[in-house]
Protein backbone atom coordinates (compact mmCIF):
# COMPACT_ATOMS: atom_id res chain seq x y z
CA MET A 1 -25.24 -2.90 -6.98
CA LYS A 2 -22.95 -5.86 -6.36
CA ALA A 3 -20.31 -5.61 -3.65
CA ILE A 4 -17.96 -7.82 -1.62
CA VAL A 5 -19.20 -7.82 1.97
CA GLN A 6 -18.35 -9.52 5.26
CA ASP A 7 -20.26 -9.68 8.54
CA ARG A 8 -17.69 -11.38 10.77
CA TYR A 9 -13.95 -11.90 11.01
CA GLY A 10 -12.38 -14.94 9.42
CA GLY A 11 -10.70 -16.30 6.32
CA PRO A 12 -11.64 -15.62 2.70
CA GLU A 13 -14.76 -17.75 3.20
CA VAL A 14 -16.40 -14.87 5.13
CA LEU A 15 -16.40 -12.73 1.98
CA ARG A 16 -19.44 -12.92 -0.26
CA VAL A 17 -20.98 -11.15 -3.23
CA ALA A 18 -24.15 -9.32 -2.20
CA ASN A 19 -26.58 -6.82 -3.64
CA VAL A 20 -26.47 -3.55 -1.68
CA GLY A 21 -27.93 -0.11 -2.21
CA GLU A 22 -26.14 2.27 -4.56
CA PRO A 23 -24.69 5.20 -2.57
CA GLU A 24 -25.44 8.85 -3.30
CA PRO A 25 -22.83 11.62 -3.07
CA LEU A 26 -23.00 14.26 -0.36
CA GLU A 27 -21.82 17.85 -0.88
CA ASP A 28 -18.10 17.16 -1.28
CA GLU A 29 -18.26 13.57 -2.53
CA VAL A 30 -17.76 11.86 -5.85
CA LEU A 31 -19.66 8.76 -6.96
CA VAL A 32 -17.45 6.56 -9.12
CA ARG A 33 -18.44 3.65 -11.31
CA VAL A 34 -15.61 1.29 -10.40
CA ARG A 35 -13.75 -0.35 -13.25
CA ALA A 36 -10.89 -1.82 -11.22
CA ALA A 37 -9.86 -2.13 -7.56
CA SER A 38 -6.64 -3.41 -6.04
CA VAL A 39 -6.03 -5.71 -3.10
CA ASN A 40 -3.81 -4.57 -0.23
CA ALA A 41 -2.49 -6.24 2.91
CA ARG A 42 -4.92 -4.00 4.77
CA ASP A 43 -7.83 -5.94 3.25
CA TRP A 44 -6.40 -9.15 4.67
CA HIS A 45 -5.88 -7.63 8.12
CA VAL A 46 -9.43 -6.21 8.23
CA MET A 47 -10.91 -9.46 6.92
CA ARG A 48 -9.14 -11.44 9.66
CA GLY A 49 -9.42 -8.82 12.40
CA ASP A 50 -5.71 -9.43 12.82
CA PRO A 51 -3.60 -8.57 14.76
CA TYR A 52 -5.94 -8.55 17.73
CA ILE A 53 -4.42 -5.40 19.16
CA ALA A 54 -5.73 -3.51 16.13
CA ARG A 55 -9.28 -4.14 17.36
CA VAL A 56 -8.39 -2.05 20.40
CA MET A 57 -6.22 0.60 18.77
CA ASP A 58 -8.31 1.25 15.63
CA ARG A 59 -11.94 1.32 16.70
CA LYS A 60 -12.92 3.22 13.55
CA THR A 61 -12.07 0.23 11.37
CA PHE A 62 -12.31 -2.77 13.67
CA GLY A 63 -15.46 -3.74 15.53
CA ARG A 64 -15.58 -6.42 18.19
CA TYR A 65 -16.81 -9.27 16.02
CA GLY A 66 -16.47 -7.82 12.53
CA PRO A 67 -15.27 -4.72 10.66
CA ASN A 68 -17.28 -1.53 11.00
CA VAL A 69 -17.43 -1.13 7.21
CA ARG A 70 -18.98 -4.26 5.70
CA ILE A 71 -17.68 -3.73 2.15
CA ARG A 72 -13.99 -4.48 1.64
CA GLY A 73 -11.45 -2.60 -0.45
CA THR A 74 -9.93 0.87 -0.55
CA ASP A 75 -8.17 1.41 -3.91
CA PHE A 76 -10.21 2.05 -7.04
CA ALA A 77 -10.17 3.44 -10.56
CA GLY A 78 -13.21 4.17 -12.66
CA VAL A 79 -15.49 6.77 -14.21
CA VAL A 80 -17.23 9.59 -12.35
CA GLU A 81 -20.98 8.94 -12.25
CA ALA A 82 -22.07 11.96 -10.18
CA VAL A 83 -20.58 14.70 -8.00
CA GLY A 84 -21.78 16.66 -4.98
CA PRO A 85 -22.60 20.39 -5.38
CA THR A 86 -19.32 21.65 -3.85
CA VAL A 87 -17.02 19.44 -5.93
CA ARG A 88 -14.83 21.39 -8.36
CA GLY A 89 -12.54 20.06 -11.06
CA LEU A 90 -14.28 16.72 -11.52
CA GLN A 91 -17.41 15.98 -13.52
CA PRO A 92 -19.39 12.96 -14.76
CA GLY A 93 -17.48 11.04 -17.39
CA ASP A 94 -14.02 11.80 -15.98
CA GLU A 95 -11.69 8.83 -15.59
CA VAL A 96 -10.35 8.94 -12.03
CA TYR A 97 -8.67 6.94 -9.30
CA GLY A 98 -8.37 7.23 -5.55
CA GLU A 99 -8.66 5.68 -2.13
CA ALA A 100 -11.84 5.22 -0.08
CA GLU A 101 -13.59 2.58 2.01
CA ALA A 102 -15.89 0.06 0.28
CA ALA A 103 -14.09 -0.01 -3.08
CA PHE A 104 -14.84 -3.68 -3.84
CA ALA A 105 -18.14 -2.78 -5.42
CA GLU A 106 -19.69 -1.59 -8.66
CA TYR A 107 -19.87 1.96 -7.25
CA VAL A 108 -17.86 3.73 -4.55
CA LEU A 109 -18.27 7.05 -2.77
CA ALA A 110 -15.14 9.07 -2.09
CA ALA A 111 -14.40 12.54 -0.81
CA ASP A 112 -13.25 14.89 -3.55
CA SER A 113 -10.04 15.38 -1.53
CA VAL A 114 -8.88 11.80 -2.22
CA VAL A 115 -9.79 11.49 -5.91
CA GLU A 116 -7.67 12.56 -8.88
CA LEU A 117 -7.85 12.29 -12.65
CA LYS A 118 -6.37 9.03 -13.93
CA PRO A 119 -3.15 9.37 -15.93
CA ALA A 120 -4.07 8.77 -19.56
CA ARG A 121 -1.18 6.40 -20.10
CA LEU A 122 -2.44 4.00 -17.40
CA SER A 123 -5.21 1.44 -17.74
CA PHE A 124 -7.87 1.30 -15.03
CA GLU A 125 -6.12 -1.75 -13.58
CA GLN A 126 -2.75 0.00 -13.47
CA ALA A 127 -4.25 3.12 -11.89
CA ALA A 128 -6.19 1.15 -9.27
CA ALA A 129 -2.92 -0.41 -8.13
CA LEU A 130 -1.44 2.98 -7.20
CA PRO A 131 -3.24 4.77 -4.34
CA THR A 132 -2.43 2.98 -1.08
CA ALA A 133 0.88 1.37 -2.06
CA ALA A 134 2.42 4.19 -4.10
CA ASN A 135 1.21 6.84 -1.65
CA THR A 136 2.82 4.90 1.21
CA ALA A 137 6.13 4.77 -0.67
CA LEU A 138 5.87 8.45 -1.58
CA MET A 139 5.14 9.65 1.96
CA GLY A 140 7.92 7.51 3.37
CA LEU A 141 10.64 8.62 0.98
CA ARG A 142 9.54 12.19 0.27
CA ASP A 143 7.99 13.32 3.54
CA LEU A 144 9.82 11.28 6.20
CA ALA A 145 13.22 10.68 4.58
CA HIS A 146 13.39 13.82 2.42
CA LEU A 147 15.32 11.52 0.11
CA ALA A 148 17.95 13.37 -1.92
CA SER A 149 20.10 12.60 -4.92
CA GLY A 150 23.13 10.49 -4.10
CA GLN A 151 21.78 9.04 -0.87
CA ARG A 152 21.89 5.29 -0.33
CA LEU A 153 18.45 3.70 0.09
CA LEU A 154 17.67 0.09 1.00
CA VAL A 155 14.15 -1.26 0.46
CA ASN A 156 13.44 -4.47 2.38
CA GLY A 157 10.42 -6.10 0.73
CA ALA A 158 11.09 -4.60 -2.68
CA SER A 159 8.86 -6.98 -4.65
CA GLY A 160 5.67 -6.17 -2.73
CA GLY A 161 3.10 -3.54 -3.60
CA VAL A 162 4.75 -0.70 -1.66
CA GLY A 163 8.24 -1.98 -2.42
CA THR A 164 7.91 -1.95 -6.20
CA TYR A 165 6.85 1.69 -6.07
CA ALA A 166 9.51 2.59 -3.48
CA VAL A 167 12.29 1.33 -5.75
CA GLN A 168 11.03 3.50 -8.60
CA ILE A 169 10.41 6.59 -6.47
CA GLY A 170 13.85 6.20 -4.92
CA LYS A 171 15.42 6.21 -8.39
CA ALA A 172 13.26 9.16 -9.47
CA TYR A 173 14.72 11.13 -6.54
CA GLY A 174 18.25 10.22 -7.59
CA ALA A 175 19.05 7.76 -4.80
CA ASP A 176 21.32 4.73 -5.07
CA VAL A 177 18.79 1.94 -4.48
CA THR A 178 19.45 -1.50 -3.03
CA ALA A 179 16.42 -3.78 -3.18
CA VAL A 180 15.89 -6.92 -1.09
CA CYS A 181 13.59 -9.71 -2.32
CA SER A 182 13.44 -13.48 -2.91
CA THR A 183 15.02 -15.39 -5.79
CA ARG A 184 11.83 -15.57 -7.87
CA ASN A 185 11.45 -11.77 -7.80
CA VAL A 186 15.00 -10.69 -8.59
CA ASP A 187 14.29 -10.10 -12.29
CA LEU A 188 11.14 -8.10 -11.54
CA VAL A 189 12.88 -5.81 -9.06
CA ASP A 190 15.90 -5.42 -11.33
CA SER A 191 13.57 -4.32 -14.15
CA LEU A 192 12.24 -1.51 -11.93
CA GLY A 193 15.65 0.15 -11.92
CA ALA A 194 17.28 -0.97 -8.67
CA ASP A 195 21.03 -0.40 -8.66
CA ARG A 196 21.56 -3.72 -6.93
CA VAL A 197 19.29 -6.55 -5.82
CA ILE A 198 19.94 -8.73 -2.78
CA ASP A 199 18.37 -12.19 -2.78
CA TYR A 200 17.57 -12.70 0.89
CA THR A 201 17.57 -16.49 0.49
CA ARG A 202 21.30 -16.27 -0.27
CA GLU A 203 22.45 -13.18 1.58
CA ASP A 204 21.43 -11.41 4.79
CA PHE A 205 21.86 -7.68 4.23
CA THR A 206 22.04 -7.05 7.99
CA ARG A 207 25.27 -9.07 8.12
CA GLY A 208 26.99 -7.22 5.29
CA SER A 209 29.36 -4.25 5.44
CA ALA A 210 27.23 -1.84 3.37
CA ARG A 211 25.62 1.10 5.17
CA TYR A 212 22.60 3.09 4.09
CA ASP A 213 21.29 6.61 4.66
CA VAL A 214 17.69 5.37 4.57
CA VAL A 215 16.29 1.88 5.23
CA LEU A 216 12.63 1.35 4.36
CA ASP A 217 11.50 -1.86 6.07
CA LEU A 218 8.25 -3.27 4.71
CA VAL A 219 8.58 -6.81 6.03
CA GLY A 220 9.49 -6.85 9.72
CA ASN A 221 11.61 -9.99 9.40
CA HIS A 222 14.67 -8.55 11.15
CA SER A 223 15.19 -7.26 14.66
CA LEU A 224 15.26 -3.55 15.34
CA SER A 225 18.92 -3.72 16.34
CA ALA A 226 19.86 -5.54 13.12
CA LEU A 227 18.09 -2.93 11.00
CA ARG A 228 19.73 -0.07 12.89
CA GLY A 229 23.08 -1.75 12.41
CA VAL A 230 23.11 -1.08 8.65
CA LEU A 231 22.44 2.66 8.98
CA THR A 232 25.02 5.37 8.51
CA ASP A 233 25.50 7.83 11.37
CA GLY A 234 22.42 10.02 11.31
CA GLY A 235 20.66 7.54 9.02
CA LEU A 236 16.91 6.95 9.07
CA LEU A 237 15.04 3.68 9.60
CA ILE A 238 11.44 3.82 8.36
CA LEU A 239 9.13 1.11 9.67
CA SER A 240 5.91 0.18 7.93
CA GLY A 241 3.69 -2.62 9.24
CA GLY A 242 1.69 -3.16 6.08
CA GLY A 243 2.82 -6.69 5.31
CA VAL A 244 0.76 -9.86 5.60
CA SER A 245 1.65 -11.96 8.65
CA ARG A 246 0.28 -15.28 9.80
CA GLY A 247 -3.20 -15.11 11.30
CA GLY A 248 -4.21 -15.38 14.95
CA SER A 249 -1.52 -13.02 16.22
CA VAL A 250 -1.76 -10.59 19.12
CA PHE A 251 0.67 -7.97 17.78
CA GLY A 252 1.65 -9.22 14.30
CA PRO A 253 3.69 -6.64 12.34
CA MET A 254 2.77 -4.02 14.96
CA LYS A 255 5.26 -5.52 17.43
CA LEU A 256 8.22 -4.07 15.57
CA LEU A 257 6.39 -0.74 15.18
CA ILE A 258 5.78 -0.52 18.92
CA GLN A 259 9.43 -1.36 19.63
CA GLY A 260 10.49 1.26 17.11
CA GLN A 261 8.27 3.91 18.64
CA LEU A 262 9.73 3.30 22.09
CA THR A 263 13.32 3.16 20.85
CA ALA A 264 12.99 6.29 18.71
CA ARG A 265 12.82 8.43 21.82
CA LEU A 266 16.19 7.16 23.03
CA ALA A 267 18.07 6.77 19.73
CA ARG A 268 21.01 9.13 19.25
CA ARG A 269 23.15 7.89 16.35
CA HIS A 270 20.18 6.99 14.16
CA ARG A 271 16.63 8.11 13.59
CA ILE A 272 13.57 5.88 13.57
CA ALA A 273 10.24 6.85 12.04
CA LEU A 274 6.92 5.02 11.77
CA LEU A 275 5.22 5.35 8.41
CA THR A 276 1.52 6.17 8.35
CA ALA A 277 0.17 7.06 4.92
CA VAL A 278 -2.76 9.47 4.60
CA PRO A 279 -4.84 9.66 1.39
CA ALA A 280 -4.63 13.06 -0.30
CA LYS A 281 -5.37 14.45 -3.76
CA GLN A 282 -2.06 16.34 -3.81
CA ASN A 283 -0.18 13.08 -3.32
CA LEU A 284 -2.06 11.49 -6.21
CA THR A 285 -1.11 14.54 -8.28
CA ALA A 286 2.54 13.99 -7.36
CA LEU A 287 2.23 10.34 -8.43
CA ASN A 288 0.62 11.46 -11.69
CA ASN A 289 3.64 13.64 -12.40
CA LEU A 290 5.98 10.70 -11.88
CA VAL A 291 3.83 8.51 -14.12
CA GLN A 292 3.72 11.13 -16.88
CA ALA A 293 7.51 11.51 -16.66
CA GLY A 294 7.90 7.78 -17.21
CA GLN A 295 9.42 7.30 -13.73
CA LEU A 296 6.61 5.29 -12.15
CA ALA A 297 4.63 2.29 -13.39
CA SER A 298 2.45 -0.38 -11.82
CA ALA A 299 3.66 -3.96 -11.75
CA ILE A 300 0.64 -6.29 -11.62
CA ASP A 301 0.98 -9.93 -10.62
CA ARG A 302 -2.56 -11.24 -11.19
CA THR A 303 -5.99 -9.95 -12.10
CA TYR A 304 -9.27 -11.38 -10.78
CA SER A 305 -12.92 -10.53 -11.31
CA LEU A 306 -14.90 -8.82 -8.54
CA ALA A 307 -16.67 -12.10 -7.78
CA GLU A 308 -13.24 -13.70 -7.23
CA ALA A 309 -12.22 -11.21 -4.52
CA ALA A 310 -12.02 -13.94 -1.88
CA GLU A 311 -9.62 -15.93 -4.05
CA ALA A 312 -7.54 -12.79 -4.71
CA ILE A 313 -7.13 -12.17 -0.99
CA ARG A 314 -6.40 -15.87 -0.43
CA TYR A 315 -3.59 -15.57 -2.99
CA LEU A 316 -2.23 -12.49 -1.21
CA GLU A 317 -2.44 -14.32 2.11
CA THR A 318 -0.23 -17.16 0.97
CA ASP A 319 2.67 -14.66 0.68
CA HIS A 320 3.25 -15.75 -2.92
CA ALA A 321 1.90 -12.54 -4.42
CA ARG A 322 4.38 -10.14 -5.90
CA ALA A 323 3.73 -6.48 -6.76
CA LYS A 324 -0.02 -5.82 -7.01
CA VAL A 325 -3.15 -7.98 -7.25
CA VAL A 326 -6.08 -6.29 -8.98
CA LEU A 327 -9.83 -6.88 -9.36
CA THR A 328 -11.69 -5.95 -12.53
CA VAL A 329 -15.26 -4.79 -12.02
């Protein structure tokens, strides 16, 4: 089968199309014929081996000179080709989506525990955009914030993959949502249901008088003290380091996360939480329910072919991408 592989760290030029062996499912695994896969900031970080500290802290993913999994990609949607003997509820021919390593390929293996039936109202491209980004938004707002109706939520980085879903999930939970993005993305974010949109090129939300019960920071472009300054008493700051930063960095977006982790132990007036999303079938089921209720949709910026994966990641790397970038397979 064809797959996008890399043998060393570097720019998009290290990615190439190669013929590799088709995987076979183990007892609890599902083999999926991939129809679409989405690009995440994680793919850029693994491709670059950046920030360097990640090579020390995440030995499962990052090797010394190249990633430990040669095939890039994690998010996919497609059709079940085969299932292991202990898999229940899925069978060949089912249209599914999920999250697993090596998704930029014609076939991907995934544990049954991270695969769910695709919502019928979504295309393969729209479903492939969901897993990592929407699950991150869901776990941040549902599991960390316990977001409730009437609370004030600010999403910094609202036009990105996670941000576009966070705005919608925030509204689904009944929150008053303020979304922060650039001028070119104001209309997109407004269309997702945000109660108000702040154009950061014209206004710095950290200098305003508004206060928020929950701040979801997906960018890391403000200091920890500035972010804490817009919280209500007892408010929660959620930090996620998933954004794309410039290459060749030692700490990159992890610098703010490390500061947040240290400060969280001393904070009294506010709470600080670091967001780590974990793939899970039950979370995909929760996303399905939001999709079926018409409360969650995928915003897709551009679509590329599998062979154009390097160009798709290059586009993401320029920081011009909005919402999701998807590969068709």
